[in-house]
Amino acid sequence: MVVIAFFLFLLQIYSYLLLARVLMTWIPNLDYGNPIVQFLLQATEPVLRPIREAMPSMGGMDFSPLIVFLVINFVSSFLQRAL
């Protein structure tokens, strides 16, 4: 049970990182050389890239974070029932 709780904690932290990444796209003139921005990109891009490449183009809109949020929600719900 401790392992499941820890994994749920990691999923929550990753959701926050992903949310920060999404909000980051709303900032005009963002300095992509900033270490925090670089960290967010490096932490989220390995998960987002395969989903982005698998999805068809949707007029310039990137729905890959939404897909990841849905997967995290599904996995978290499943794990919470296992507790």
C-alpha atoms as a PDB file:
ATOM      1  CA  MET A   1       0.000   0.000   0.000  1.00  0.00           C
ATOM      2  CA  VAL A   2       2.902   2.338   0.637  1.00  0.00           C
ATOM      3  CA  VAL A   3       4.156   1.727  -2.900  1.00  0.00           C
ATOM      4  CA  ILE A   4       0.753   2.580  -4.378  1.00  0.00           C
ATOM      5  CA  ALA A   5       0.520   5.750  -2.270  1.00  0.00           C
ATOM      6  CA  PHE A   6       3.999   6.783  -3.377  1.00  0.00           C
ATOM      7  CA  PHE A   7       3.130   6.138  -7.030  1.00  0.00           C
ATOM      8  CA  LEU A   8      -0.041   8.234  -6.629  1.00  0.00           C
ATOM      9  CA  PHE A   9       2.112  10.996  -5.162  1.00  0.00           C
ATOM     10  CA  LEU A  10       4.452  10.854  -8.171  1.00  0.00           C
ATOM     11  CA  LEU A  11       1.508  11.015 -10.564  1.00  0.00           C
ATOM     12  CA  GLN A  12       0.226  14.105  -8.741  1.00  0.00           C
ATOM     13  CA  ILE A  13       3.626  15.799  -8.935  1.00  0.00           C
ATOM     14  CA  TYR A  14       3.836  14.994 -12.653  1.00  0.00           C
ATOM     15  CA  SER A  15       0.359  16.490 -13.176  1.00  0.00           C
ATOM     16  CA  TYR A  16       1.569  19.708 -11.584  1.00  0.00           C
ATOM     17  CA  LEU A  17       4.619  19.733 -13.856  1.00  0.00           C
ATOM     18  CA  LEU A  18       2.385  19.160 -16.853  1.00  0.00           C
ATOM     19  CA  LEU A  19       0.030  21.933 -15.774  1.00  0.00           C
ATOM     20  CA  ALA A  20       2.977  24.299 -15.415  1.00  0.00           C
ATOM     21  CA  ARG A  21       4.086  23.306 -18.919  1.00  0.00           C
ATOM     22  CA  VAL A  22       0.631  24.086 -20.318  1.00  0.00           C
ATOM     23  CA  LEU A  23       0.432  27.428 -18.513  1.00  0.00           C
ATOM     24  CA  MET A  24       3.929  28.236 -19.734  1.00  0.00           C
ATOM     25  CA  THR A  25       2.640  28.283 -23.314  1.00  0.00           C
ATOM     26  CA  TRP A  26       0.408  31.235 -22.459  1.00  0.00           C
ATOM     27  CA  ILE A  27       3.365  33.465 -21.545  1.00  0.00           C
ATOM     28  CA  PRO A  28       4.467  35.637 -24.470  1.00  0.00           C
ATOM     29  CA  ASN A  29       8.208  36.209 -24.901  1.00  0.00           C
ATOM     30  CA  LEU A  30       9.059  33.299 -22.602  1.00  0.00           C
ATOM     31  CA  ASP A  31      12.789  32.805 -22.139  1.00  0.00           C
ATOM     32  CA  TYR A  32      13.339  29.167 -23.126  1.00  0.00           C
ATOM     33  CA  GLY A  33      16.873  29.422 -21.771  1.00  0.00           C
ATOM     34  CA  ASN A  34      15.536  29.796 -18.225  1.00  0.00           C
ATOM     35  CA  PRO A  35      16.524  26.756 -16.098  1.00  0.00           C
ATOM     36  CA  ILE A  36      12.971  26.287 -14.792  1.00  0.00           C
ATOM     37  CA  VAL A  37      11.566  26.316 -18.315  1.00  0.00           C
ATOM     38  CA  GLN A  38      14.260  23.885 -19.432  1.00  0.00           C
ATOM     39  CA  PHE A  39      13.412  21.558 -16.533  1.00  0.00           C
ATOM     40  CA  LEU A  40       9.700  21.595 -17.381  1.00  0.00           C
ATOM     41  CA  LEU A  41      10.449  20.863 -21.028  1.00  0.00           C
ATOM     42  CA  GLN A  42      12.838  18.027 -20.206  1.00  0.00           C
ATOM     43  CA  ALA A  43      10.435  16.497 -17.672  1.00  0.00           C
ATOM     44  CA  THR A  44       7.343  16.540 -19.873  1.00  0.00           C
ATOM     45  CA  GLU A  45       8.538  16.267 -23.463  1.00  0.00           C
ATOM     46  CA  PRO A  46       9.453  12.534 -23.332  1.00  0.00           C
ATOM     47  CA  VAL A  47       5.821  11.738 -22.457  1.00  0.00           C
ATOM     48  CA  LEU A  48       4.173  14.330 -24.702  1.00  0.00           C
ATOM     49  CA  ARG A  49       6.214  13.751 -27.875  1.00  0.00           C
ATOM     50  CA  PRO A  50       5.044  10.176 -28.657  1.00  0.00           C
ATOM     51  CA  ILE A  51       1.428  11.145 -28.089  1.00  0.00           C
ATOM     52  CA  ARG A  52       1.813  14.273 -30.220  1.00  0.00           C
ATOM     53  CA  GLU A  53       3.370  12.238 -33.041  1.00  0.00           C
ATOM     54  CA  ALA A  54       0.632   9.575 -32.877  1.00  0.00           C
ATOM     55  CA  MET A  55      -2.216  12.083 -33.064  1.00  0.00           C
ATOM     56  CA  PRO A  56      -3.329  13.626 -36.332  1.00  0.00           C
ATOM     57  CA  SER A  57      -2.774  17.347 -36.814  1.00  0.00           C
ATOM     58  CA  MET A  58      -5.623  19.377 -35.342  1.00  0.00           C
ATOM     59  CA  GLY A  59      -5.097  22.795 -36.860  1.00  0.00           C
ATOM     60  CA  GLY A  60      -2.079  23.706 -34.760  1.00  0.00           C
ATOM     61  CA  MET A  61      -3.704  22.738 -31.459  1.00  0.00           C
ATOM     62  CA  ASP A  62      -1.722  20.388 -29.217  1.00  0.00           C
ATOM     63  CA  PHE A  63      -4.036  18.054 -27.342  1.00  0.00           C
ATOM     64  CA  SER A  64      -1.270  15.770 -26.044  1.00  0.00           C
ATOM     65  CA  PRO A  65      -1.315  17.291 -22.512  1.00  0.00           C
ATOM     66  CA  LEU A  66      -5.050  16.624 -22.324  1.00  0.00           C
ATOM     67  CA  ILE A  67      -4.476  12.977 -23.244  1.00  0.00           C
ATOM     68  CA  VAL A  68      -1.770  12.668 -20.574  1.00  0.00           C
ATOM     69  CA  PHE A  69      -4.038  14.290 -17.967  1.00  0.00           C
ATOM     70  CA  LEU A  70      -6.770  11.786 -18.838  1.00  0.00           C
ATOM     71  CA  VAL A  71      -4.368   8.841 -18.556  1.00  0.00           C
ATOM     72  CA  ILE A  72      -3.039  10.109 -15.219  1.00  0.00           C
ATOM     73  CA  ASN A  73      -6.602  10.507 -13.969  1.00  0.00           C
ATOM     74  CA  PHE A  74      -7.528   6.985 -15.095  1.00  0.00           C
ATOM     75  CA  VAL A  75      -4.428   5.398 -13.538  1.00  0.00           C
ATOM     76  CA  SER A  76      -4.875   7.373 -10.305  1.00  0.00           C
ATOM     77  CA  SER A  77      -8.511   6.316 -10.011  1.00  0.00           C
ATOM     78  CA  PHE A  78      -7.581   2.698 -10.615  1.00  0.00           C
ATOM     79  CA  LEU A  79      -4.812   2.808  -8.009  1.00  0.00           C
ATOM     80  CA  GLN A  80      -6.987   4.559  -5.429  1.00  0.00           C
ATOM     81  CA  ARG A  81      -9.517   1.743  -5.686  1.00  0.00           C
ATOM     82  CA  ALA A  82      -6.668  -0.709  -5.073  1.00  0.00           C
ATOM     83  CA  LEU A  83      -5.897   0.979  -1.760  1.00  0.00           C
END
